[in-house]
Amino acid sequence: MAQQKTPNLRLRADTRIPPPGTILKRSYKGKTLQVQVLEHGFACAGQVYPTLSAVAKAVTGSHCNGYLFFRLPSNKEAAS
């Protein structure tokens, strides 16, 4: 019998997100933020967030694009 492959849980992985274990750093209002990329989310200051936008909102208090906040490349830049 042929062995079945396990389905990939990250079917639509965003190429802008670095691999799990990577630490993203960003200065904001005189403090350096450090966010660790997890397999399923992002860890910052002892909390786990589902998206970078959720991290950015927790830090700034208002909604903003997490990719822009952490200065990750655009989809076009990441694809090239």
C-alpha atoms as a PDB file:
ATOM      1  CA  MET A   1       0.000   0.000   0.000  1.00  0.00           C
ATOM      2  CA  ALA A   2       1.143   3.514  -0.776  1.00  0.00           C
ATOM      3  CA  GLN A   3       1.940   5.670   2.204  1.00  0.00           C
ATOM      4  CA  GLN A   4      -0.273   8.746   2.506  1.00  0.00           C
ATOM      5  CA  LYS A   5       1.290  12.164   2.956  1.00  0.00           C
ATOM      6  CA  THR A   6       0.338  14.246   5.962  1.00  0.00           C
ATOM      7  CA  PRO A   7      -1.465  17.403   4.907  1.00  0.00           C
ATOM      8  CA  ASN A   8       0.493  20.622   5.129  1.00  0.00           C
ATOM      9  CA  LEU A   9      -1.138  22.801   7.777  1.00  0.00           C
ATOM     10  CA  ARG A  10       0.336  25.940   6.272  1.00  0.00           C
ATOM     11  CA  LEU A  11      -1.275  25.710   2.851  1.00  0.00           C
ATOM     12  CA  ARG A  12      -1.107  29.422   2.187  1.00  0.00           C
ATOM     13  CA  ALA A  13       2.064  30.337   4.053  1.00  0.00           C
ATOM     14  CA  ASP A  14       2.859  33.995   3.577  1.00  0.00           C
ATOM     15  CA  THR A  15       6.327  34.356   2.088  1.00  0.00           C
ATOM     16  CA  ARG A  16       6.816  37.625   4.012  1.00  0.00           C
ATOM     17  CA  ILE A  17       6.906  35.794   7.346  1.00  0.00           C
ATOM     18  CA  PRO A  18      10.347  34.497   8.338  1.00  0.00           C
ATOM     19  CA  PRO A  19      10.696  30.897   9.579  1.00  0.00           C
ATOM     20  CA  PRO A  20       9.667  29.946  13.130  1.00  0.00           C
ATOM     21  CA  GLY A  21      12.293  30.871  15.693  1.00  0.00           C
ATOM     22  CA  THR A  22      13.180  34.153  13.988  1.00  0.00           C
ATOM     23  CA  ILE A  23      13.209  37.233  16.211  1.00  0.00           C
ATOM     24  CA  LEU A  24      11.775  40.408  14.691  1.00  0.00           C
ATOM     25  CA  LYS A  25      13.032  43.647  16.259  1.00  0.00           C
ATOM     26  CA  ARG A  26      11.459  47.083  15.978  1.00  0.00           C
ATOM     27  CA  SER A  27      12.041  50.313  17.862  1.00  0.00           C
ATOM     28  CA  TYR A  28       8.855  52.058  18.927  1.00  0.00           C
ATOM     29  CA  LYS A  29       8.633  55.136  21.167  1.00  0.00           C
ATOM     30  CA  GLY A  30      12.127  54.631  22.553  1.00  0.00           C
ATOM     31  CA  LYS A  31      11.731  50.920  23.305  1.00  0.00           C
ATOM     32  CA  THR A  32      12.945  47.926  21.349  1.00  0.00           C
ATOM     33  CA  LEU A  33      10.237  45.352  20.697  1.00  0.00           C
ATOM     34  CA  GLN A  34      11.197  41.738  20.141  1.00  0.00           C
ATOM     35  CA  VAL A  35       8.723  39.346  18.554  1.00  0.00           C
ATOM     36  CA  GLN A  36       9.463  35.664  18.060  1.00  0.00           C
ATOM     37  CA  VAL A  37       7.911  33.963  15.060  1.00  0.00           C
ATOM     38  CA  LEU A  38       6.196  30.758  16.178  1.00  0.00           C
ATOM     39  CA  GLU A  39       4.842  27.892  14.094  1.00  0.00           C
ATOM     40  CA  HIS A  40       1.327  29.217  14.701  1.00  0.00           C
ATOM     41  CA  GLY A  41       1.522  32.822  15.851  1.00  0.00           C
ATOM     42  CA  PHE A  42       3.882  35.384  17.330  1.00  0.00           C
ATOM     43  CA  ALA A  43       5.217  35.762  20.874  1.00  0.00           C
ATOM     44  CA  CYS A  44       5.778  39.207  22.357  1.00  0.00           C
ATOM     45  CA  ALA A  45       6.242  40.232  26.000  1.00  0.00           C
ATOM     46  CA  GLY A  46       4.968  36.923  27.347  1.00  0.00           C
ATOM     47  CA  GLN A  47       1.828  36.859  25.172  1.00  0.00           C
ATOM     48  CA  VAL A  48       1.083  34.852  22.026  1.00  0.00           C
ATOM     49  CA  TYR A  49      -0.767  36.612  19.210  1.00  0.00           C
ATOM     50  CA  PRO A  50      -2.317  35.047  16.107  1.00  0.00           C
ATOM     51  CA  THR A  51      -1.078  37.765  13.716  1.00  0.00           C
ATOM     52  CA  LEU A  52       1.519  40.501  13.455  1.00  0.00           C
ATOM     53  CA  SER A  53      -1.329  43.002  13.230  1.00  0.00           C
ATOM     54  CA  ALA A  54      -2.545  41.816  16.648  1.00  0.00           C
ATOM     55  CA  VAL A  55       0.942  42.408  18.057  1.00  0.00           C
ATOM     56  CA  ALA A  56       1.090  45.878  16.492  1.00  0.00           C
ATOM     57  CA  LYS A  57      -2.344  46.751  17.900  1.00  0.00           C
ATOM     58  CA  ALA A  58      -1.341  45.612  21.395  1.00  0.00           C
ATOM     59  CA  VAL A  59       1.780  47.777  21.201  1.00  0.00           C
ATOM     60  CA  THR A  60       0.310  50.909  19.609  1.00  0.00           C
ATOM     61  CA  GLY A  61      -3.269  50.777  20.883  1.00  0.00           C
ATOM     62  CA  SER A  62      -4.671  51.217  17.384  1.00  0.00           C
ATOM     63  CA  HIS A  63      -5.096  49.009  14.353  1.00  0.00           C
ATOM     64  CA  CYS A  64      -2.208  48.980  11.917  1.00  0.00           C
ATOM     65  CA  ASN A  65      -0.815  46.582   9.361  1.00  0.00           C
ATOM     66  CA  GLY A  66       1.599  44.254  11.142  1.00  0.00           C
ATOM     67  CA  TYR A  67       3.764  43.704   8.067  1.00  0.00           C
ATOM     68  CA  LEU A  68       4.229  47.455   7.649  1.00  0.00           C
ATOM     69  CA  PHE A  69       4.750  48.019  11.370  1.00  0.00           C
ATOM     70  CA  PHE A  70       7.530  45.427  11.494  1.00  0.00           C
ATOM     71  CA  ARG A  71       8.846  46.580   8.098  1.00  0.00           C
ATOM     72  CA  LEU A  72       8.611  43.206   6.404  1.00  0.00           C
ATOM     73  CA  PRO A  73       8.914  43.131   2.606  1.00  0.00           C
ATOM     74  CA  SER A  74       5.826  43.475   0.443  1.00  0.00           C
ATOM     75  CA  ASN A  75       4.436  40.426  -1.395  1.00  0.00           C
ATOM     76  CA  LYS A  76       6.223  41.540  -4.580  1.00  0.00           C
ATOM     77  CA  GLU A  77       9.557  41.982  -2.793  1.00  0.00           C
ATOM     78  CA  ALA A  78       9.224  38.642  -1.002  1.00  0.00           C
ATOM     79  CA  ALA A  79       8.429  36.800  -4.240  1.00  0.00           C
ATOM     80  CA  SER A  80      11.565  38.005  -6.009  1.00  0.00           C
END
